[in-house]
């Protein structure tokens, strides 16, 4: 249990570090007008917070920065969303002043608005991507070594993939493969197909199908469906100008994530309703372990349509971003129902 003084100092330190991106020392805190503790008292309290795991030092002579545990405590217990000014709300609403002929255009504008006002990266997932599930799979054999895999979703979307069978595969093996896929993948969201294929289905195929490795390679290629145009990303460069991402390897890793499909899977793995925050290594995706991910949903007529996400450094301005993502998602929902 933290004391009131420790809570106060932890909140101050997080807020100062978010603004400065520099380790915070006891002397700089003591100089604040709203702090009435001696530097020695502050130093002892910060040392205790470090010992409890809420703070850490970047190197021995530095001040302190929040740890992931410190950020999590701050978000869960000390975060108070800030109020936007009337001008800010007006500017956000001004972006929706024109009539949009397609809801996709409205969602794209929302990603731009959110990245502009947060100065981080915004990703919007559209309704088709959220809802599309596998209905069934068929195989039409063309000759001894080739066939067409037909993938049908519950929305009526159809994709045809030409596949080449390993020479050892027989007709009965193909029938087994299709039966296994339909049994294990029916009604699975399209974005989860690869994950299910690599885990659950992989084990079944190993038991029942000859030349297992080649068959799995074939399926991994053919079940990679073309994404519908339902992923809208804005402000990719915003996160790269943050001080945390000056290392070239970090930049390359992060860009690869933002330009790939894995980030969509990470966002989709968040709970479907409410506002949620994952900090640092709480994100399971390599490449964003130094980032925080905040998501919420938007709706039309009370029906959940898609997800709004903001990606920034762990040193994120959480109060402002939480307010912005909540405000923007509500304004988007209002405009979708017009």
Protein backbone atom coordinates (compact mmCIF):
# COMPACT_ATOMS: atom_id res chain seq x y z
CA UNK A 1 0.00 0.00 0.00
CA UNK A 2 1.46 3.35 -1.03
CA UNK A 3 1.19 6.34 1.25
CA UNK A 4 -0.52 9.53 0.10
CA UNK A 5 2.89 11.16 -0.27
CA UNK A 6 4.21 8.30 -2.40
CA UNK A 7 1.10 8.43 -4.58
CA UNK A 8 1.55 12.16 -5.03
CA UNK A 9 5.24 11.85 -5.92
CA UNK A 10 4.66 8.93 -8.30
CA UNK A 11 1.99 10.90 -10.13
CA UNK A 12 4.25 13.96 -10.32
CA UNK A 13 7.20 11.95 -11.60
CA UNK A 14 5.16 10.22 -14.32
CA UNK A 15 3.65 13.53 -15.45
CA UNK A 16 7.06 15.24 -15.53
CA UNK A 17 8.68 12.37 -17.42
CA UNK A 18 5.89 12.31 -20.01
CA UNK A 19 6.59 15.98 -20.77
CA UNK A 20 10.38 16.02 -20.61
CA UNK A 21 11.42 12.48 -21.65
CA UNK A 22 14.30 13.00 -19.21
CA UNK A 23 14.87 11.09 -15.94
CA UNK A 24 13.41 13.01 -13.02
CA UNK A 25 15.51 13.77 -9.95
CA UNK A 26 14.48 14.65 -6.40
CA UNK A 27 15.92 18.18 -6.69
CA UNK A 28 13.80 19.05 -9.74
CA UNK A 29 10.68 17.82 -7.92
CA UNK A 30 11.58 19.82 -4.81
CA UNK A 31 11.73 23.05 -6.85
CA UNK A 32 8.09 22.78 -7.86
CA UNK A 33 5.69 25.27 -6.28
CA UNK A 34 3.17 22.54 -5.43
CA UNK A 35 5.73 20.40 -3.54
CA UNK A 36 6.44 21.15 0.11
CA UNK A 37 8.78 18.28 1.02
CA UNK A 38 12.55 18.56 1.44
CA UNK A 39 14.85 17.11 -1.23
CA UNK A 40 16.02 14.50 1.32
CA UNK A 41 12.43 13.37 2.00
CA UNK A 42 11.69 13.21 -1.71
CA UNK A 43 14.91 11.27 -2.36
CA UNK A 44 14.01 8.70 0.32
CA UNK A 45 10.47 8.30 -0.99
CA UNK A 46 11.68 7.86 -4.58
CA UNK A 47 14.19 5.27 -3.38
CA UNK A 48 11.35 3.38 -1.68
CA UNK A 49 9.23 3.57 -4.86
CA UNK A 50 12.18 2.21 -6.82
CA UNK A 51 12.66 -0.62 -4.34
CA UNK A 52 8.96 -1.51 -4.71
CA UNK A 53 9.38 -1.65 -8.50
CA UNK A 54 7.40 1.45 -9.49
CA UNK A 55 10.47 3.42 -10.60
CA UNK A 56 13.81 2.55 -12.15
CA UNK A 57 17.10 4.24 -13.00
CA UNK A 58 18.41 4.30 -16.54
CA UNK A 59 21.95 4.37 -15.12
CA UNK A 60 23.50 4.92 -11.70
CA UNK A 61 23.92 8.70 -11.79
CA UNK A 62 20.56 9.51 -13.35
CA UNK A 63 17.24 10.49 -11.94
CA UNK A 64 14.40 8.00 -12.12
CA UNK A 65 11.83 7.00 -14.72
CA UNK A 66 8.61 5.03 -14.34
CA UNK A 67 8.85 1.26 -14.74
CA UNK A 68 6.13 -0.71 -16.52
CA UNK A 69 4.73 -1.52 -13.08
CA UNK A 70 4.74 2.20 -12.31
CA UNK A 71 2.91 3.06 -15.53
CA UNK A 72 0.36 0.31 -14.87
CA UNK A 73 -0.31 1.60 -11.35
CA UNK A 74 -0.57 5.15 -12.68
CA UNK A 75 -3.06 4.13 -15.38
CA UNK A 76 -5.14 1.99 -13.04
CA UNK A 77 -5.20 4.27 -9.99
CA UNK A 78 -3.91 7.78 -10.69
CA UNK A 79 -5.10 8.62 -14.19
CA UNK A 80 -7.67 11.39 -14.45
CA UNK A 81 -8.78 12.10 -18.05
CA UNK A 82 -8.31 15.76 -18.93
CA UNK A 83 -11.02 17.97 -20.36
CA UNK A 84 -10.60 19.16 -23.92
CA UNK A 85 -11.07 22.85 -24.58
CA UNK A 86 -14.11 24.05 -26.49
CA UNK A 87 -11.81 24.97 -29.36
CA UNK A 88 -10.35 21.46 -29.47
CA UNK A 89 -13.77 19.81 -29.50
CA UNK A 90 -14.87 22.31 -32.14
CA UNK A 91 -11.84 21.52 -34.30
CA UNK A 92 -12.49 17.80 -34.03
CA UNK A 93 -16.14 18.25 -35.01
CA UNK A 94 -15.08 20.55 -37.85
CA UNK A 95 -13.29 17.59 -39.47
CA UNK A 96 -16.72 15.94 -39.88
CA UNK A 97 -18.44 19.01 -41.30
CA UNK A 98 -18.99 17.59 -44.79
CA UNK A 99 -21.27 14.72 -45.72
CA UNK A 100 -19.49 11.43 -46.33
CA UNK A 101 -20.83 9.17 -49.05
CA UNK A 102 -19.04 6.09 -47.67
CA UNK A 103 -18.52 5.09 -44.04
CA UNK A 104 -14.99 3.98 -44.98
CA UNK A 105 -14.15 7.61 -45.80
CA UNK A 106 -15.53 8.66 -42.41
CA UNK A 107 -13.39 6.06 -40.65
CA UNK A 108 -10.29 7.14 -42.59
CA UNK A 109 -10.85 10.78 -41.56
CA UNK A 110 -11.19 9.65 -37.95
CA UNK A 111 -7.74 7.99 -38.07
CA UNK A 112 -6.28 11.24 -39.39
CA UNK A 113 -8.00 13.32 -36.70
CA UNK A 114 -6.85 11.03 -33.91
CA UNK A 115 -3.22 10.91 -35.05
CA UNK A 116 -3.16 14.69 -35.47
CA UNK A 117 -4.57 15.47 -32.03
CA UNK A 118 -2.60 12.81 -30.11
CA UNK A 119 0.67 13.15 -32.07
CA UNK A 120 0.86 9.36 -32.04
CA UNK A 121 -0.10 6.64 -34.53
CA UNK A 122 -3.81 5.88 -34.99
CA UNK A 123 -5.24 2.68 -36.47
CA UNK A 124 -8.91 2.12 -37.27
CA UNK A 125 -10.34 -1.31 -37.98
CA UNK A 126 -13.45 -1.26 -40.15
CA UNK A 127 -16.59 -3.32 -39.64
CA UNK A 128 -15.97 -5.84 -42.42
CA UNK A 129 -12.61 -6.83 -40.95
CA UNK A 130 -14.14 -7.18 -37.50
CA UNK A 131 -17.07 -9.31 -38.59
CA UNK A 132 -15.84 -11.55 -41.41
CA UNK A 133 -15.66 -15.25 -40.49
CA UNK A 134 -14.89 -18.40 -42.42
CA UNK A 135 -17.98 -20.21 -43.67
CA UNK A 136 -16.38 -23.12 -45.51
CA UNK A 137 -13.52 -24.27 -47.70
CA UNK A 138 -13.68 -26.31 -50.89
CA UNK A 139 -11.06 -27.84 -53.15
CA UNK A 140 -11.43 -28.28 -56.90
CA UNK A 141 -8.74 -30.55 -58.32
CA UNK A 142 -7.30 -29.38 -61.66
CA UNK A 143 -4.83 -32.22 -62.26
CA UNK A 144 -2.57 -34.58 -60.34
CA UNK A 145 -0.54 -31.82 -58.70
CA UNK A 146 -2.70 -28.70 -58.75
CA UNK A 147 -6.05 -27.54 -57.47
CA UNK A 148 -8.06 -24.45 -56.57
CA UNK A 149 -8.79 -23.77 -52.92
CA UNK A 150 -12.07 -21.87 -52.57
CA UNK A 151 -12.47 -19.88 -49.35
CA UNK A 152 -15.96 -18.56 -48.55
CA UNK A 153 -16.78 -16.19 -45.68
CA UNK A 154 -20.07 -15.59 -43.92
CA UNK A 155 -20.30 -12.18 -45.61
CA UNK A 156 -20.25 -13.78 -49.07
CA UNK A 157 -16.63 -12.84 -49.75
CA UNK A 158 -14.97 -15.53 -51.92
CA UNK A 159 -11.29 -16.03 -52.64
CA UNK A 160 -9.77 -18.60 -54.99
CA UNK A 161 -6.20 -19.76 -54.45
CA UNK A 162 -4.32 -22.01 -56.85
CA UNK A 163 -2.33 -24.56 -54.85
CA UNK A 164 0.31 -27.12 -55.75
CA UNK A 165 0.12 -30.44 -53.91
CA UNK A 166 3.19 -32.36 -52.76
CA UNK A 167 3.67 -35.34 -55.11
CA UNK A 168 3.11 -37.77 -52.25
CA UNK A 169 -0.42 -36.48 -51.56
CA UNK A 170 -3.28 -38.72 -52.65
CA UNK A 171 -6.92 -37.86 -53.34
CA UNK A 172 -8.02 -39.24 -49.95
CA UNK A 173 -5.41 -37.04 -48.24
CA UNK A 174 -6.85 -33.94 -49.90
CA UNK A 175 -10.30 -34.90 -48.71
CA UNK A 176 -8.95 -35.34 -45.17
CA UNK A 177 -7.25 -31.95 -45.29
CA UNK A 178 -10.44 -30.15 -46.35
CA UNK A 179 -12.52 -31.99 -43.73
CA UNK A 180 -10.05 -31.02 -41.00
CA UNK A 181 -10.02 -27.38 -42.10
CA UNK A 182 -13.82 -27.12 -42.20
CA UNK A 183 -14.15 -28.87 -38.87
CA UNK A 184 -11.59 -26.69 -37.08
CA UNK A 185 -12.02 -23.35 -38.85
CA UNK A 186 -15.75 -22.95 -39.39
CA UNK A 187 -16.95 -19.62 -37.98
CA UNK A 188 -13.40 -18.57 -37.01
CA UNK A 189 -12.71 -14.85 -37.65
CA UNK A 190 -10.61 -14.43 -40.78
CA UNK A 191 -7.89 -12.57 -38.92
CA UNK A 192 -7.41 -15.60 -36.62
CA UNK A 193 -7.00 -18.23 -39.37
CA UNK A 194 -3.20 -18.21 -39.35
CA UNK A 195 -3.01 -18.49 -35.56
CA UNK A 196 -5.42 -21.45 -35.51
CA UNK A 197 -3.59 -23.07 -38.40
CA UNK A 198 -0.21 -22.81 -36.68
CA UNK A 199 -1.45 -24.18 -33.36
CA UNK A 200 -4.49 -26.42 -33.25
CA UNK A 201 -4.65 -27.58 -36.88
CA UNK A 202 -0.92 -28.17 -37.10
CA UNK A 203 -1.14 -30.85 -34.42
CA UNK A 204 -4.05 -32.62 -36.13
CA UNK A 205 -2.37 -32.56 -39.55
CA UNK A 206 0.78 -34.07 -38.08
CA UNK A 207 -1.21 -37.10 -36.97
CA UNK A 208 -3.26 -37.72 -40.11
CA UNK A 209 -1.50 -36.31 -43.18
CA UNK A 210 1.60 -37.61 -44.92
CA UNK A 211 4.29 -35.12 -45.97
CA UNK A 212 3.00 -32.93 -43.18
CA UNK A 213 5.56 -30.11 -43.48
CA UNK A 214 4.91 -29.45 -47.18
CA UNK A 215 1.16 -29.55 -46.65
CA UNK A 216 1.42 -27.00 -43.83
CA UNK A 217 3.57 -24.71 -45.99
CA UNK A 218 0.96 -24.93 -48.74
CA UNK A 219 -1.87 -24.10 -46.33
CA UNK A 220 -0.02 -21.20 -44.71
CA UNK A 221 0.39 -19.59 -48.12
CA UNK A 222 -3.12 -20.30 -49.38
CA UNK A 223 -4.96 -19.30 -46.19
CA UNK A 224 -3.35 -15.87 -46.14
CA UNK A 225 -6.37 -13.98 -47.41
CA UNK A 226 -6.18 -10.55 -48.97
CA UNK A 227 -7.25 -8.03 -46.36
CA UNK A 228 -10.40 -6.11 -47.21
CA UNK A 229 -9.79 -2.38 -47.39
CA UNK A 230 -10.80 -1.98 -43.77
CA UNK A 231 -7.52 -1.05 -42.07
CA UNK A 232 -6.86 2.68 -41.81
CA UNK A 233 -3.55 3.86 -40.35
CA UNK A 234 -2.49 7.46 -39.89
CA UNK A 235 0.55 9.14 -38.37
CA UNK A 236 3.07 6.30 -38.64
CA UNK A 237 5.90 8.80 -38.48
CA UNK A 238 4.55 10.44 -35.32
CA UNK A 239 5.81 7.70 -33.05
CA UNK A 240 9.21 7.60 -34.76
CA UNK A 241 10.06 11.16 -33.70
CA UNK A 242 9.70 10.25 -30.03
CA UNK A 243 13.02 10.18 -28.14
CA UNK A 244 12.55 6.50 -27.28
CA UNK A 245 12.85 5.53 -30.93
CA UNK A 246 16.18 7.02 -32.00
CA UNK A 247 17.79 3.58 -32.23
CA UNK A 248 17.79 2.41 -35.87
CA UNK A 249 17.01 -1.20 -34.99
CA UNK A 250 14.01 -0.11 -32.92
CA UNK A 251 12.77 2.05 -35.79
CA UNK A 252 13.05 -0.77 -38.32
CA UNK A 253 11.34 -3.23 -35.99
CA UNK A 254 8.50 -0.83 -35.23
CA UNK A 255 7.96 0.11 -38.88
CA UNK A 256 7.79 -3.55 -39.83
CA UNK A 257 5.06 -4.02 -37.23
CA UNK A 258 3.05 -0.98 -38.33
CA UNK A 259 3.23 -2.03 -41.98
CA UNK A 260 2.36 -5.68 -41.35
CA UNK A 261 -0.75 -7.61 -40.41
CA UNK A 262 0.43 -8.66 -36.96
CA UNK A 263 -0.52 -5.33 -35.42
CA UNK A 264 -4.11 -5.92 -36.53
CA UNK A 265 -4.10 -9.28 -34.74
CA UNK A 266 -2.72 -7.61 -31.60
CA UNK A 267 -5.48 -4.98 -31.68
CA UNK A 268 -8.13 -7.61 -32.35
CA UNK A 269 -6.95 -9.61 -29.34
CA UNK A 270 -7.97 -6.74 -27.04
CA UNK A 271 -11.37 -7.08 -25.29
CA UNK A 272 -14.24 -6.27 -27.63
CA UNK A 273 -15.89 -3.59 -25.51
CA UNK A 274 -14.74 -0.68 -23.37
CA UNK A 275 -11.46 1.21 -23.26
CA UNK A 276 -8.31 -0.87 -22.69
CA UNK A 277 -4.62 -0.06 -22.26
CA UNK A 278 -1.68 -2.42 -22.74
CA UNK A 279 1.70 -1.15 -21.61
CA UNK A 280 5.08 -2.31 -22.88
CA UNK A 281 5.54 -6.06 -22.59
CA UNK A 282 1.83 -6.56 -21.89
CA UNK A 283 1.69 -6.37 -25.69
CA UNK A 284 2.50 -9.84 -27.01
CA UNK A 285 3.85 -8.63 -30.34
CA UNK A 286 7.59 -8.27 -30.83
CA UNK A 287 8.40 -4.77 -32.02
CA UNK A 288 5.97 -2.86 -29.80
CA UNK A 289 7.34 -3.92 -26.43
CA UNK A 290 8.44 -0.31 -25.90
CA UNK A 291 4.99 1.03 -26.79
CA UNK A 292 1.58 1.39 -25.21
CA UNK A 293 -1.59 0.46 -27.06
CA UNK A 294 -4.95 2.03 -26.22
CA UNK A 295 -8.15 0.76 -27.84
CA UNK A 296 -11.86 1.41 -27.70
CA UNK A 297 -14.75 0.69 -30.04
CA UNK A 298 -17.17 2.66 -32.16
CA UNK A 299 -20.74 1.77 -33.03
CA UNK A 300 -23.71 2.59 -35.22
CA UNK A 301 -27.17 2.55 -33.72
CA UNK A 302 -25.83 0.81 -30.64
CA UNK A 303 -24.24 -2.00 -32.68
CA UNK A 304 -20.49 -2.48 -32.33
CA UNK A 305 -18.83 -1.83 -35.70
CA UNK A 306 -15.07 -1.57 -35.26
CA UNK A 307 -12.06 -0.63 -33.15
CA UNK A 308 -10.14 2.60 -32.61
CA UNK A 309 -6.50 2.23 -31.55
CA UNK A 310 -3.67 4.60 -30.64
CA UNK A 311 -0.04 3.44 -30.43
CA UNK A 312 2.55 5.58 -28.68
CA UNK A 313 5.57 5.25 -26.41
CA UNK A 314 5.16 3.93 -22.87
CA UNK A 315 5.84 7.57 -21.97
CA UNK A 316 2.45 8.42 -23.39
CA UNK A 317 0.28 11.34 -22.32
CA UNK A 318 -2.34 8.88 -21.03
CA UNK A 319 -4.89 11.37 -19.61
CA UNK A 320 -5.10 13.33 -22.86
CA UNK A 321 -5.06 10.28 -25.14
CA UNK A 322 -7.79 8.54 -23.13
CA UNK A 323 -9.98 11.64 -23.42
CA UNK A 324 -9.25 12.06 -27.13
CA UNK A 325 -9.85 8.44 -28.12
CA UNK A 326 -13.10 8.39 -26.15
CA UNK A 327 -14.27 11.72 -27.62
CA UNK A 328 -13.35 10.85 -31.20
CA UNK A 329 -14.96 7.39 -31.06
CA UNK A 330 -18.20 8.93 -29.79
CA UNK A 331 -18.19 11.62 -32.49
CA UNK A 332 -17.54 8.96 -35.12
CA UNK A 333 -20.45 6.88 -33.77
CA UNK A 334 -22.71 9.96 -33.92
CA UNK A 335 -21.78 10.60 -37.55
CA UNK A 336 -22.28 6.96 -38.55
CA UNK A 337 -25.88 7.09 -37.31
CA UNK A 338 -26.75 10.25 -39.28
